[in-house]
Amino acid sequence: MDQWATVLFIDESRFSLNIDSRRTFIWREPETRYLPSNVREIDHYGGGGLMVWAGIMLDGRTPLHVFERGTATGVRYRDEILEPYVRLFRGAVGPEFILMDDNARLFWSTNF
């Protein structure tokens, strides 16, 4: 239990606000791809979506973070996630702190 108490698991998910997630699966007969009943008009420019992030530990959790507009770049991730949330948990746990970011490669800075 003591070892698991030092691990912060974090992950993010993107949610589409449009019914078109660009992954439509249909069952159709062979050679009927372009029949009007199998063609669906989609909106490539509307709807949008949002990216959310959160973390959990044995004895706590982070607040749910919603990325406002745009994509989650490395700079935004550092400024909106690592600095305000992860750094806080690391400070509370101490040098035994382990960050598990959905199977991402290990990265950590001694200056963090």
PDB file of N, CA and C in Angstrom:
ATOM      1  N   MET A   1       0.833  -1.196   0.000  1.00  0.00           N
ATOM      2  CA  MET A   1       0.000   0.000   0.000  1.00  0.00           C
ATOM      3  C   MET A   1       0.873   1.253   0.000  1.00  0.00           C
ATOM      4  N   ASP A   2       1.990   1.224   0.715  1.00  0.00           N
ATOM      5  CA  ASP A   2       2.857   2.395   0.766  1.00  0.00           C
ATOM      6  C   ASP A   2       3.429   2.728  -0.603  1.00  0.00           C
ATOM      7  N   GLN A   3       3.784   1.708  -1.376  1.00  0.00           N
ATOM      8  CA  GLN A   3       4.334   1.956  -2.717  1.00  0.00           C
ATOM      9  C   GLN A   3       3.285   2.542  -3.647  1.00  0.00           C
ATOM     10  N   TRP A   4       2.055   2.048  -3.608  1.00  0.00           N
ATOM     11  CA  TRP A   4       1.003   2.561  -4.485  1.00  0.00           C
ATOM     12  C   TRP A   4       0.590   3.972  -4.092  1.00  0.00           C
ATOM     13  N   ALA A   5       0.797   4.351  -2.855  1.00  0.00           N
ATOM     14  CA  ALA A   5       0.409   5.689  -2.399  1.00  0.00           C
ATOM     15  C   ALA A   5       1.258   6.784  -3.030  1.00  0.00           C
ATOM     16  N   THR A   6       2.357   6.424  -3.682  1.00  0.00           N
ATOM     17  CA  THR A   6       3.233   7.425  -4.300  1.00  0.00           C
ATOM     18  C   THR A   6       3.001   7.575  -5.798  1.00  0.00           C
ATOM     19  N   VAL A   7       2.069   6.839  -6.371  1.00  0.00           N
ATOM     20  CA  VAL A   7       1.847   6.836  -7.821  1.00  0.00           C
ATOM     21  C   VAL A   7       0.639   7.696  -8.173  1.00  0.00           C
ATOM     22  N   LEU A   8       0.843   8.617  -9.106  1.00  0.00           N
ATOM     23  CA  LEU A   8      -0.248   9.413  -9.666  1.00  0.00           C
ATOM     24  C   LEU A   8      -0.502   8.928 -11.088  1.00  0.00           C
ATOM     25  N   PHE A   9      -1.687   8.371 -11.332  1.00  0.00           N
ATOM     26  CA  PHE A   9      -2.089   7.924 -12.663  1.00  0.00           C
ATOM     27  C   PHE A   9      -2.850   9.058 -13.334  1.00  0.00           C
ATOM     28  N   ILE A  10      -2.411   9.440 -14.538  1.00  0.00           N
ATOM     29  CA  ILE A  10      -3.100  10.523 -15.247  1.00  0.00           C
ATOM     30  C   ILE A  10      -3.452  10.064 -16.649  1.00  0.00           C
ATOM     31  N   ASP A  11      -4.509  10.640 -17.176  1.00  0.00           N
ATOM     32  CA  ASP A  11      -4.932  10.319 -18.541  1.00  0.00           C
ATOM     33  C   ASP A  11      -5.812  11.439 -19.053  1.00  0.00           C
ATOM     34  N   GLU A  12      -5.938  11.497 -20.348  1.00  0.00           N
ATOM     35  CA  GLU A  12      -6.799  12.487 -20.981  1.00  0.00           C
ATOM     36  C   GLU A  12      -7.663  11.800 -22.023  1.00  0.00           C
ATOM     37  N   SER A  13      -8.794  12.418 -22.326  1.00  0.00           N
ATOM     38  CA  SER A  13      -9.702  11.897 -23.345  1.00  0.00           C
ATOM     39  C   SER A  13     -10.297  13.046 -24.127  1.00  0.00           C
ATOM     40  N   ARG A  14     -10.546  12.778 -25.390  1.00  0.00           N
ATOM     41  CA  ARG A  14     -11.192  13.771 -26.242  1.00  0.00           C
ATOM     42  C   ARG A  14     -12.629  13.325 -26.455  1.00  0.00           C
ATOM     43  N   PHE A  15     -13.544  14.276 -26.318  1.00  0.00           N
ATOM     44  CA  PHE A  15     -14.956  14.011 -26.511  1.00  0.00           C
ATOM     45  C   PHE A  15     -15.463  14.856 -27.659  1.00  0.00           C
ATOM     46  N   SER A  16     -16.153  14.228 -28.587  1.00  0.00           N
ATOM     47  CA  SER A  16     -16.722  14.930 -29.728  1.00  0.00           C
ATOM     48  C   SER A  16     -18.085  15.476 -29.351  1.00  0.00           C
ATOM     49  N   LEU A  17     -18.321  16.734 -29.699  1.00  0.00           N
ATOM     50  CA  LEU A  17     -19.606  17.356 -29.429  1.00  0.00           C
ATOM     51  C   LEU A  17     -20.556  17.210 -30.608  1.00  0.00           C
ATOM     52  N   ASN A  18     -20.129  16.491 -31.606  1.00  0.00           N
ATOM     53  CA  ASN A  18     -20.921  16.256 -32.800  1.00  0.00           C
ATOM     54  C   ASN A  18     -21.203  14.762 -32.873  1.00  0.00           C
ATOM     55  N   ILE A  19     -22.326  14.392 -33.446  1.00  0.00           N
ATOM     56  CA  ILE A  19     -22.617  12.965 -33.562  1.00  0.00           C
ATOM     57  C   ILE A  19     -21.667  12.282 -34.525  1.00  0.00           C
ATOM     58  N   ASP A  20     -20.990  13.054 -35.375  1.00  0.00           N
ATOM     59  CA  ASP A  20     -20.040  12.471 -36.303  1.00  0.00           C
ATOM     60  C   ASP A  20     -18.664  12.422 -35.662  1.00  0.00           C
ATOM     61  N   SER A  21     -18.230  11.264 -35.265  1.00  0.00           N
ATOM     62  CA  SER A  21     -16.904  11.111 -34.680  1.00  0.00           C
ATOM     63  C   SER A  21     -15.889  10.671 -35.735  1.00  0.00           C
ATOM     64  N   ARG A  22     -16.290  10.709 -37.008  1.00  0.00           N
ATOM     65  CA  ARG A  22     -15.456  10.288 -38.141  1.00  0.00           C
ATOM     66  C   ARG A  22     -15.130   8.805 -38.107  1.00  0.00           C
ATOM     67  N   ARG A  23     -15.856   8.047 -37.317  1.00  0.00           N
ATOM     68  CA  ARG A  23     -15.676   6.601 -37.269  1.00  0.00           C
ATOM     69  C   ARG A  23     -17.045   5.960 -37.323  1.00  0.00           C
ATOM     70  N   THR A  24     -17.613   5.906 -38.503  1.00  0.00           N
ATOM     71  CA  THR A  24     -18.917   5.306 -38.680  1.00  0.00           C
ATOM     72  C   THR A  24     -18.746   3.919 -39.282  1.00  0.00           C
ATOM     73  N   PHE A  25     -19.324   2.947 -38.647  1.00  0.00           N
ATOM     74  CA  PHE A  25     -19.262   1.581 -39.143  1.00  0.00           C
ATOM     75  C   PHE A  25     -20.654   1.168 -39.594  1.00  0.00           C
ATOM     76  N   ILE A  26     -20.737   0.656 -40.801  1.00  0.00           N
ATOM     77  CA  ILE A  26     -22.026   0.174 -41.298  1.00  0.00           C
ATOM     78  C   ILE A  26     -21.826  -1.218 -41.897  1.00  0.00           C
ATOM     79  N   TRP A  27     -22.887  -1.982 -41.855  1.00  0.00           N
ATOM     80  CA  TRP A  27     -22.883  -3.281 -42.514  1.00  0.00           C
ATOM     81  C   TRP A  27     -23.584  -3.102 -43.847  1.00  0.00           C
ATOM     82  N   ARG A  28     -22.941  -3.524 -44.908  1.00  0.00           N
ATOM     83  CA  ARG A  28     -23.540  -3.408 -46.233  1.00  0.00           C
ATOM     84  C   ARG A  28     -23.154  -4.628 -47.068  1.00  0.00           C
ATOM     85  N   GLU A  29     -23.929  -4.855 -48.058  1.00  0.00           N
ATOM     86  CA  GLU A  29     -23.659  -5.953 -48.981  1.00  0.00           C
ATOM     87  C   GLU A  29     -22.440  -5.604 -49.848  1.00  0.00           C
ATOM     88  N   PRO A  30     -21.669  -6.600 -50.271  1.00  0.00           N
ATOM     89  CA  PRO A  30     -20.547  -6.326 -51.172  1.00  0.00           C
ATOM     90  C   PRO A  30     -21.021  -5.600 -52.434  1.00  0.00           C
ATOM     91  N   GLU A  31     -20.165  -4.720 -52.943  1.00  0.00           N
ATOM     92  CA  GLU A  31     -20.419  -3.970 -54.172  1.00  0.00           C
ATOM     93  C   GLU A  31     -21.563  -2.957 -54.042  1.00  0.00           C
ATOM     94  N   THR A  32     -21.925  -2.537 -52.818  1.00  0.00           N
ATOM     95  CA  THR A  32     -23.022  -1.569 -52.651  1.00  0.00           C
ATOM     96  C   THR A  32     -22.541  -0.291 -51.968  1.00  0.00           C
ATOM     97  N   ARG A  33     -21.263  -0.052 -51.989  1.00  0.00           N
ATOM     98  CA  ARG A  33     -20.692   1.088 -51.275  1.00  0.00           C
ATOM     99  C   ARG A  33     -21.356   2.414 -51.633  1.00  0.00           C
ATOM    100  N   TYR A  34     -21.634   2.680 -52.906  1.00  0.00           N
ATOM    101  CA  TYR A  34     -22.118   3.995 -53.317  1.00  0.00           C
ATOM    102  C   TYR A  34     -23.623   4.069 -53.537  1.00  0.00           C
ATOM    103  N   LEU A  35     -24.342   3.086 -53.091  1.00  0.00           N
ATOM    104  CA  LEU A  35     -25.799   3.177 -53.160  1.00  0.00           C
ATOM    105  C   LEU A  35     -26.255   4.307 -52.237  1.00  0.00           C
ATOM    106  N   PRO A  36     -27.286   5.059 -52.621  1.00  0.00           N
ATOM    107  CA  PRO A  36     -27.748   6.170 -51.779  1.00  0.00           C
ATOM    108  C   PRO A  36     -28.051   5.758 -50.339  1.00  0.00           C
ATOM    109  N   SER A  37     -28.501   4.561 -50.110  1.00  0.00           N
ATOM    110  CA  SER A  37     -28.808   4.121 -48.742  1.00  0.00           C
ATOM    111  C   SER A  37     -27.550   3.933 -47.892  1.00  0.00           C
ATOM    112  N   ASN A  38     -26.382   3.821 -48.538  1.00  0.00           N
ATOM    113  CA  ASN A  38     -25.126   3.618 -47.806  1.00  0.00           C
ATOM    114  C   ASN A  38     -24.252   4.866 -47.768  1.00  0.00           C
ATOM    115  N   VAL A  39     -24.720   5.972 -48.310  1.00  0.00           N
ATOM    116  CA  VAL A  39     -23.951   7.211 -48.312  1.00  0.00           C
ATOM    117  C   VAL A  39     -24.566   8.158 -47.299  1.00  0.00           C
ATOM    118  N   ARG A  40     -23.718   8.723 -46.457  1.00  0.00           N
ATOM    119  CA  ARG A  40     -24.193   9.626 -45.418  1.00  0.00           C
ATOM    120  C   ARG A  40     -23.422  10.938 -45.489  1.00  0.00           C
ATOM    121  N   GLU A  41     -24.132  12.042 -45.480  1.00  0.00           N
ATOM    122  CA  GLU A  41     -23.485  13.344 -45.490  1.00  0.00           C
ATOM    123  C   GLU A  41     -22.966  13.641 -44.084  1.00  0.00           C
ATOM    124  N   ILE A  42     -21.727  14.137 -44.010  1.00  0.00           N
ATOM    125  CA  ILE A  42     -21.154  14.456 -42.703  1.00  0.00           C
ATOM    126  C   ILE A  42     -20.644  15.892 -42.710  1.00  0.00           C
ATOM    127  N   ASP A  43     -20.579  16.460 -41.535  1.00  0.00           N
ATOM    128  CA  ASP A  43     -20.117  17.827 -41.342  1.00  0.00           C
ATOM    129  C   ASP A  43     -18.697  17.779 -40.802  1.00  0.00           C
ATOM    130  N   HIS A  44     -17.716  18.152 -41.644  1.00  0.00           N
ATOM    131  CA  HIS A  44     -16.316  18.090 -41.218  1.00  0.00           C
ATOM    132  C   HIS A  44     -15.888  19.321 -40.431  1.00  0.00           C
ATOM    133  N   TYR A  45     -16.681  20.370 -40.417  1.00  0.00           N
ATOM    134  CA  TYR A  45     -16.221  21.621 -39.826  1.00  0.00           C
ATOM    135  C   TYR A  45     -16.997  22.052 -38.596  1.00  0.00           C
ATOM    136  N   GLY A  46     -18.103  21.432 -38.292  1.00  0.00           N
ATOM    137  CA  GLY A  46     -18.911  21.887 -37.170  1.00  0.00           C
ATOM    138  C   GLY A  46     -18.812  20.972 -35.972  1.00  0.00           C
ATOM    139  N   GLY A  47     -19.478  21.348 -34.925  1.00  0.00           N
ATOM    140  CA  GLY A  47     -19.563  20.491 -33.754  1.00  0.00           C
ATOM    141  C   GLY A  47     -18.439  20.671 -32.767  1.00  0.00           C
ATOM    142  N   GLY A  48     -17.221  20.424 -33.202  1.00  0.00           N
ATOM    143  CA  GLY A  48     -16.087  20.563 -32.313  1.00  0.00           C
ATOM    144  C   GLY A  48     -16.010  19.467 -31.279  1.00  0.00           C
ATOM    145  N   GLY A  49     -15.199  19.688 -30.304  1.00  0.00           N
ATOM    146  CA  GLY A  49     -15.026  18.726 -29.227  1.00  0.00           C
ATOM    147  C   GLY A  49     -14.213  19.357 -28.124  1.00  0.00           C
ATOM    148  N   LEU A  50     -13.947  18.578 -27.110  1.00  0.00           N
ATOM    149  CA  LEU A  50     -13.119  19.090 -26.033  1.00  0.00           C
ATOM    150  C   LEU A  50     -12.259  17.980 -25.462  1.00  0.00           C
ATOM    151  N   MET A  51     -11.146  18.400 -24.881  1.00  0.00           N
ATOM    152  CA  MET A  51     -10.201  17.475 -24.277  1.00  0.00           C
ATOM    153  C   MET A  51     -10.268  17.681 -22.770  1.00  0.00           C
ATOM    154  N   VAL A  52     -10.378  16.565 -22.034  1.00  0.00           N
ATOM    155  CA  VAL A  52     -10.392  16.633 -20.576  1.00  0.00           C
ATOM    156  C   VAL A  52      -9.245  15.794 -20.028  1.00  0.00           C
ATOM    157  N   TRP A  53      -8.789  16.146 -18.851  1.00  0.00           N
ATOM    158  CA  TRP A  53      -7.665  15.484 -18.201  1.00  0.00           C
ATOM    159  C   TRP A  53      -7.965  15.317 -16.723  1.00  0.00           C
ATOM    160  N   ALA A  54      -7.474  14.238 -16.116  1.00  0.00           N
ATOM    161  CA  ALA A  54      -7.613  14.039 -14.677  1.00  0.00           C
ATOM    162  C   ALA A  54      -6.562  13.049 -14.199  1.00  0.00           C
ATOM    163  N   GLY A  55      -6.355  13.034 -12.895  1.00  0.00           N
ATOM    164  CA  GLY A  55      -5.406  12.113 -12.289  1.00  0.00           C
ATOM    165  C   GLY A  55      -5.975  11.542 -10.999  1.00  0.00           C
ATOM    166  N   ILE A  56      -5.546  10.320 -10.670  1.00  0.00           N
ATOM    167  CA  ILE A  56      -5.984   9.686  -9.419  1.00  0.00           C
ATOM    168  C   ILE A  56      -4.785   9.092  -8.701  1.00  0.00           C
ATOM    169  N   MET A  57      -4.889   9.060  -7.390  1.00  0.00           N
ATOM    170  CA  MET A  57      -3.917   8.413  -6.516  1.00  0.00           C
ATOM    171  C   MET A  57      -4.685   7.565  -5.520  1.00  0.00           C
ATOM    172  N   LEU A  58      -3.959   6.804  -4.741  1.00  0.00           N
ATOM    173  CA  LEU A  58      -4.592   5.963  -3.736  1.00  0.00           C
ATOM    174  C   LEU A  58      -5.403   6.798  -2.747  1.00  0.00           C
ATOM    175  N   ASP A  59      -4.854   7.935  -2.348  1.00  0.00           N
ATOM    176  CA  ASP A  59      -5.517   8.764  -1.346  1.00  0.00           C
ATOM    177  C   ASP A  59      -6.023  10.101  -1.886  1.00  0.00           C
ATOM    178  N   GLY A  60      -6.226  10.217  -3.183  1.00  0.00           N
ATOM    179  CA  GLY A  60      -6.679  11.504  -3.694  1.00  0.00           C
ATOM    180  C   GLY A  60      -6.893  11.499  -5.186  1.00  0.00           C
ATOM    181  N   ARG A  61      -7.267  12.654  -5.675  1.00  0.00           N
ATOM    182  CA  ARG A  61      -7.483  12.829  -7.107  1.00  0.00           C
ATOM    183  C   ARG A  61      -7.287  14.292  -7.444  1.00  0.00           C
ATOM    184  N   THR A  62      -7.033  14.544  -8.714  1.00  0.00           N
ATOM    185  CA  THR A  62      -6.916  15.919  -9.179  1.00  0.00           C
ATOM    186  C   THR A  62      -8.306  16.402  -9.586  1.00  0.00           C
ATOM    187  N   PRO A  63      -8.473  17.695  -9.699  1.00  0.00           N
ATOM    188  CA  PRO A  63      -9.714  18.179 -10.301  1.00  0.00           C
ATOM    189  C   PRO A  63      -9.745  17.794 -11.786  1.00  0.00           C
ATOM    190  N   LEU A  64     -10.927  17.722 -12.354  1.00  0.00           N
ATOM    191  CA  LEU A  64     -11.065  17.487 -13.788  1.00  0.00           C
ATOM    192  C   LEU A  64     -10.662  18.765 -14.511  1.00  0.00           C
ATOM    193  N   HIS A  65      -9.737  18.657 -15.451  1.00  0.00           N
ATOM    194  CA  HIS A  65      -9.276  19.826 -16.200  1.00  0.00           C
ATOM    195  C   HIS A  65      -9.808  19.745 -17.623  1.00  0.00           C
ATOM    196  N   VAL A  66     -10.433  20.801 -18.080  1.00  0.00           N
ATOM    197  CA  VAL A  66     -10.939  20.885 -19.449  1.00  0.00           C
ATOM    198  C   VAL A  66     -10.050  21.857 -20.208  1.00  0.00           C
ATOM    199  N   PHE A  67      -9.448  21.377 -21.294  1.00  0.00           N
ATOM    200  CA  PHE A  67      -8.635  22.254 -22.131  1.00  0.00           C
ATOM    201  C   PHE A  67      -9.570  23.183 -22.903  1.00  0.00           C
ATOM    202  N   GLU A  68      -9.403  24.463 -22.713  1.00  0.00           N
ATOM    203  CA  GLU A  68     -10.211  25.447 -23.426  1.00  0.00           C
ATOM    204  C   GLU A  68      -9.646  25.645 -24.824  1.00  0.00           C
ATOM    205  N   ARG A  69     -10.436  25.506 -25.816  1.00  0.00           N
ATOM    206  CA  ARG A  69     -10.108  25.794 -27.221  1.00  0.00           C
ATOM    207  C   ARG A  69      -8.701  25.379 -27.646  1.00  0.00           C
ATOM    208  N   GLY A  70      -8.599  24.934 -28.854  1.00  0.00           N
ATOM    209  CA  GLY A  70      -7.315  24.572 -29.430  1.00  0.00           C
ATOM    210  C   GLY A  70      -6.869  23.177 -29.034  1.00  0.00           C
ATOM    211  N   THR A  71      -5.650  22.863 -29.418  1.00  0.00           N
ATOM    212  CA  THR A  71      -5.107  21.536 -29.141  1.00  0.00           C
ATOM    213  C   THR A  71      -4.209  21.568 -27.909  1.00  0.00           C
ATOM    214  N   ALA A  72      -4.004  20.422 -27.335  1.00  0.00           N
ATOM    215  CA  ALA A  72      -3.164  20.305 -26.139  1.00  0.00           C
ATOM    216  C   ALA A  72      -1.716  20.112 -26.572  1.00  0.00           C
ATOM    217  N   THR A  73      -1.003  21.198 -26.771  1.00  0.00           N
ATOM    218  CA  THR A  73       0.403  21.144 -27.167  1.00  0.00           C
ATOM    219  C   THR A  73       1.272  20.838 -25.952  1.00  0.00           C
ATOM    220  N   GLY A  74       2.541  20.593 -26.182  1.00  0.00           N
ATOM    221  CA  GLY A  74       3.461  20.343 -25.084  1.00  0.00           C
ATOM    222  C   GLY A  74       3.553  21.512 -24.117  1.00  0.00           C
ATOM    223  N   VAL A  75       3.537  22.717 -24.657  1.00  0.00           N
ATOM    224  CA  VAL A  75       3.610  23.911 -23.818  1.00  0.00           C
ATOM    225  C   VAL A  75       2.347  24.044 -22.976  1.00  0.00           C
ATOM    226  N   ARG A  76       1.183  23.828 -23.593  1.00  0.00           N
ATOM    227  CA  ARG A  76      -0.071  23.898 -22.838  1.00  0.00           C
ATOM    228  C   ARG A  76      -0.126  22.806 -21.775  1.00  0.00           C
ATOM    229  N   TYR A  77       0.351  21.618 -22.108  1.00  0.00           N
ATOM    230  CA  TYR A  77       0.358  20.512 -21.162  1.00  0.00           C
ATOM    231  C   TYR A  77       1.221  20.866 -19.954  1.00  0.00           C
ATOM    232  N   ARG A  78       2.384  21.442 -20.229  1.00  0.00           N
ATOM    233  CA  ARG A  78       3.256  21.868 -19.135  1.00  0.00           C
ATOM    234  C   ARG A  78       2.587  22.948 -18.281  1.00  0.00           C
ATOM    235  N   ASP A  79       2.048  23.969 -18.937  1.00  0.00           N
ATOM    236  CA  ASP A  79       1.474  25.114 -18.222  1.00  0.00           C
ATOM    237  C   ASP A  79       0.151  24.808 -17.528  1.00  0.00           C
ATOM    238  N   GLU A  80      -0.682  23.948 -18.122  1.00  0.00           N
ATOM    239  CA  GLU A  80      -2.018  23.703 -17.587  1.00  0.00           C
ATOM    240  C   GLU A  80      -2.137  22.419 -16.755  1.00  0.00           C
ATOM    241  N   ILE A  81      -1.189  21.488 -16.920  1.00  0.00           N
ATOM    242  CA  ILE A  81      -1.279  20.207 -16.213  1.00  0.00           C
ATOM    243  C   ILE A  81      -0.091  20.002 -15.279  1.00  0.00           C
ATOM    244  N   LEU A  82       1.118  19.970 -15.848  1.00  0.00           N
ATOM    245  CA  LEU A  82       2.287  19.643 -15.040  1.00  0.00           C
ATOM    246  C   LEU A  82       2.538  20.660 -13.930  1.00  0.00           C
ATOM    247  N   GLU A  83       2.542  21.922 -14.277  1.00  0.00           N
ATOM    248  CA  GLU A  83       2.827  22.954 -13.268  1.00  0.00           C
ATOM    249  C   GLU A  83       1.762  23.020 -12.167  1.00  0.00           C
ATOM    250  N   PRO A  84       0.475  23.204 -12.510  1.00  0.00           N
ATOM    251  CA  PRO A  84      -0.499  23.390 -11.432  1.00  0.00           C
ATOM    252  C   PRO A  84      -0.936  22.115 -10.711  1.00  0.00           C
ATOM    253  N   TYR A  85      -0.955  20.975 -11.367  1.00  0.00           N
ATOM    254  CA  TYR A  85      -1.484  19.760 -10.741  1.00  0.00           C
ATOM    255  C   TYR A  85      -0.386  18.786 -10.318  1.00  0.00           C
ATOM    256  N   VAL A  86       0.412  18.350 -11.285  1.00  0.00           N
ATOM    257  CA  VAL A  86       1.396  17.305 -11.010  1.00  0.00           C
ATOM    258  C   VAL A  86       2.452  17.799 -10.031  1.00  0.00           C
ATOM    259  N   ARG A  87       2.898  19.018 -10.201  1.00  0.00           N
ATOM    260  CA  ARG A  87       3.898  19.565  -9.287  1.00  0.00           C
ATOM    261  C   ARG A  87       3.371  19.606  -7.847  1.00  0.00           C
ATOM    262  N   LEU A  88       2.102  19.945  -7.695  1.00  0.00           N
ATOM    263  CA  LEU A  88       1.473  19.992  -6.380  1.00  0.00           C
ATOM    264  C   LEU A  88       1.474  18.617  -5.712  1.00  0.00           C
ATOM    265  N   PHE A  89       1.086  17.585  -6.476  1.00  0.00           N
ATOM    266  CA  PHE A  89       1.070  16.220  -5.932  1.00  0.00           C
ATOM    267  C   PHE A  89       2.488  15.746  -5.635  1.00  0.00           C
ATOM    268  N   ARG A  90       3.421  16.073  -6.498  1.00  0.00           N
ATOM    269  CA  ARG A  90       4.818  15.669  -6.273  1.00  0.00           C
ATOM    270  C   ARG A  90       5.339  16.281  -4.985  1.00  0.00           C
ATOM    271  N   GLY A  91       5.024  17.532  -4.763  1.00  0.00           N
ATOM    272  CA  GLY A  91       5.460  18.195  -3.535  1.00  0.00           C
ATOM    273  C   GLY A  91       4.869  17.555  -2.295  1.00  0.00           C
ATOM    274  N   ALA A  92       3.617  17.118  -2.379  1.00  0.00           N
ATOM    275  CA  ALA A  92       2.958  16.496  -1.230  1.00  0.00           C
ATOM    276  C   ALA A  92       3.506  15.098  -0.946  1.00  0.00           C
ATOM    277  N   VAL A  93       3.865  14.360  -2.006  1.00  0.00           N
ATOM    278  CA  VAL A  93       4.332  12.975  -1.835  1.00  0.00           C
ATOM    279  C   VAL A  93       5.808  12.922  -1.469  1.00  0.00           C
ATOM    280  N   GLY A  94       6.615  13.748  -2.124  1.00  0.00           N
ATOM    281  CA  GLY A  94       8.047  13.738  -1.856  1.00  0.00           C
ATOM    282  C   GLY A  94       8.836  13.021  -2.929  1.00  0.00           C
ATOM    283  N   PRO A  95      10.092  12.661  -2.635  1.00  0.00           N
ATOM    284  CA  PRO A  95      10.982  12.089  -3.652  1.00  0.00           C
ATOM    285  C   PRO A  95      10.553  10.719  -4.162  1.00  0.00           C
ATOM    286  N   GLU A  96       9.660  10.030  -3.492  1.00  0.00           N
ATOM    287  CA  GLU A  96       9.200   8.712  -3.953  1.00  0.00           C
ATOM    288  C   GLU A  96       8.112   8.822  -5.015  1.00  0.00           C
ATOM    289  N   PHE A  97       7.705  10.037  -5.353  1.00  0.00           N
ATOM    290  CA  PHE A  97       6.614  10.271  -6.297  1.00  0.00           C
ATOM    291  C   PHE A  97       6.885   9.615  -7.649  1.00  0.00           C
ATOM    292  N   ILE A  98       5.856   8.951  -8.196  1.00  0.00           N
ATOM    293  CA  ILE A  98       5.926   8.325  -9.524  1.00  0.00           C
ATOM    294  C   ILE A  98       4.736   8.830 -10.335  1.00  0.00           C
ATOM    295  N   LEU A  99       5.012   9.314 -11.539  1.00  0.00           N
ATOM    296  CA  LEU A  99       3.969   9.780 -12.455  1.00  0.00           C
ATOM    297  C   LEU A  99       3.751   8.716 -13.518  1.00  0.00           C
ATOM    298  N   MET A 100       2.533   8.211 -13.627  1.00  0.00           N
ATOM    299  CA  MET A 100       2.191   7.227 -14.656  1.00  0.00           C
ATOM    300  C   MET A 100       1.210   7.875 -15.610  1.00  0.00           C
ATOM    301  N   ASP A 101       1.725   8.280 -16.774  1.00  0.00           N
ATOM    302  CA  ASP A 101       0.933   9.000 -17.768  1.00  0.00           C
ATOM    303  C   ASP A 101       0.527   8.055 -18.882  1.00  0.00           C
ATOM    304  N   ASP A 102      -0.539   7.326 -18.730  1.00  0.00           N
ATOM    305  CA  ASP A 102      -1.118   6.382 -19.691  1.00  0.00           C
ATOM    306  C   ASP A 102      -0.099   5.720 -20.616  1.00  0.00           C
ATOM    307  N   ASN A 103       0.881   5.094 -19.999  1.00  0.00           N
ATOM    308  CA  ASN A 103       1.921   4.335 -20.700  1.00  0.00           C
ATOM    309  C   ASN A 103       2.852   5.186 -21.550  1.00  0.00           C
ATOM    310  N   ALA A 104       2.930   6.471 -21.278  1.00  0.00           N
ATOM    311  CA  ALA A 104       3.856   7.331 -22.008  1.00  0.00           C
ATOM    312  C   ALA A 104       5.284   7.011 -21.582  1.00  0.00           C
ATOM    313  N   ARG A 105       6.228   7.356 -22.451  1.00  0.00           N
ATOM    314  CA  ARG A 105       7.628   7.159 -22.105  1.00  0.00           C
ATOM    315  C   ARG A 105       7.970   8.017 -20.894  1.00  0.00           C
ATOM    316  N   LEU A 106       8.889   7.547 -20.093  1.00  0.00           N
ATOM    317  CA  LEU A 106       9.280   8.254 -18.883  1.00  0.00           C
ATOM    318  C   LEU A 106       9.924   9.588 -19.240  1.00  0.00           C
ATOM    319  N   PHE A 107       9.441  10.645 -18.615  1.00  0.00           N
ATOM    320  CA  PHE A 107      10.075  11.953 -18.763  1.00  0.00           C
ATOM    321  C   PHE A 107       9.974  12.674 -17.430  1.00  0.00           C
ATOM    322  N   TRP A 108      11.022  13.278 -17.065  1.00  0.00           N
ATOM    323  CA  TRP A 108      10.992  14.041 -15.822  1.00  0.00           C
ATOM    324  C   TRP A 108      12.204  14.940 -15.803  1.00  0.00           C
ATOM    325  N   SER A 109      12.067  16.085 -15.288  1.00  0.00           N
ATOM    326  CA  SER A 109      13.152  17.021 -15.201  1.00  0.00           C
ATOM    327  C   SER A 109      13.507  17.238 -13.739  1.00  0.00           C
ATOM    328  N   THR A 110      14.782  17.290 -13.443  1.00  0.00           N
ATOM    329  CA  THR A 110      15.180  17.559 -12.067  1.00  0.00           C
ATOM    330  C   THR A 110      14.835  18.989 -11.681  1.00  0.00           C
ATOM    331  N   ASN A 111      14.605  19.847 -12.657  1.00  0.00           N
ATOM    332  CA  ASN A 111      14.234  21.238 -12.383  1.00  0.00           C
ATOM    333  C   ASN A 111      12.748  21.387 -12.113  1.00  0.00           C
ATOM    334  N   PHE A 112      11.991  20.319 -12.296  1.00  0.00           N
ATOM    335  CA  PHE A 112      10.548  20.369 -12.108  1.00  0.00           C
ATOM    336  C   PHE A 112      10.261  20.324 -10.680  1.00  0.00           C
TER     337      PHE A 112
END
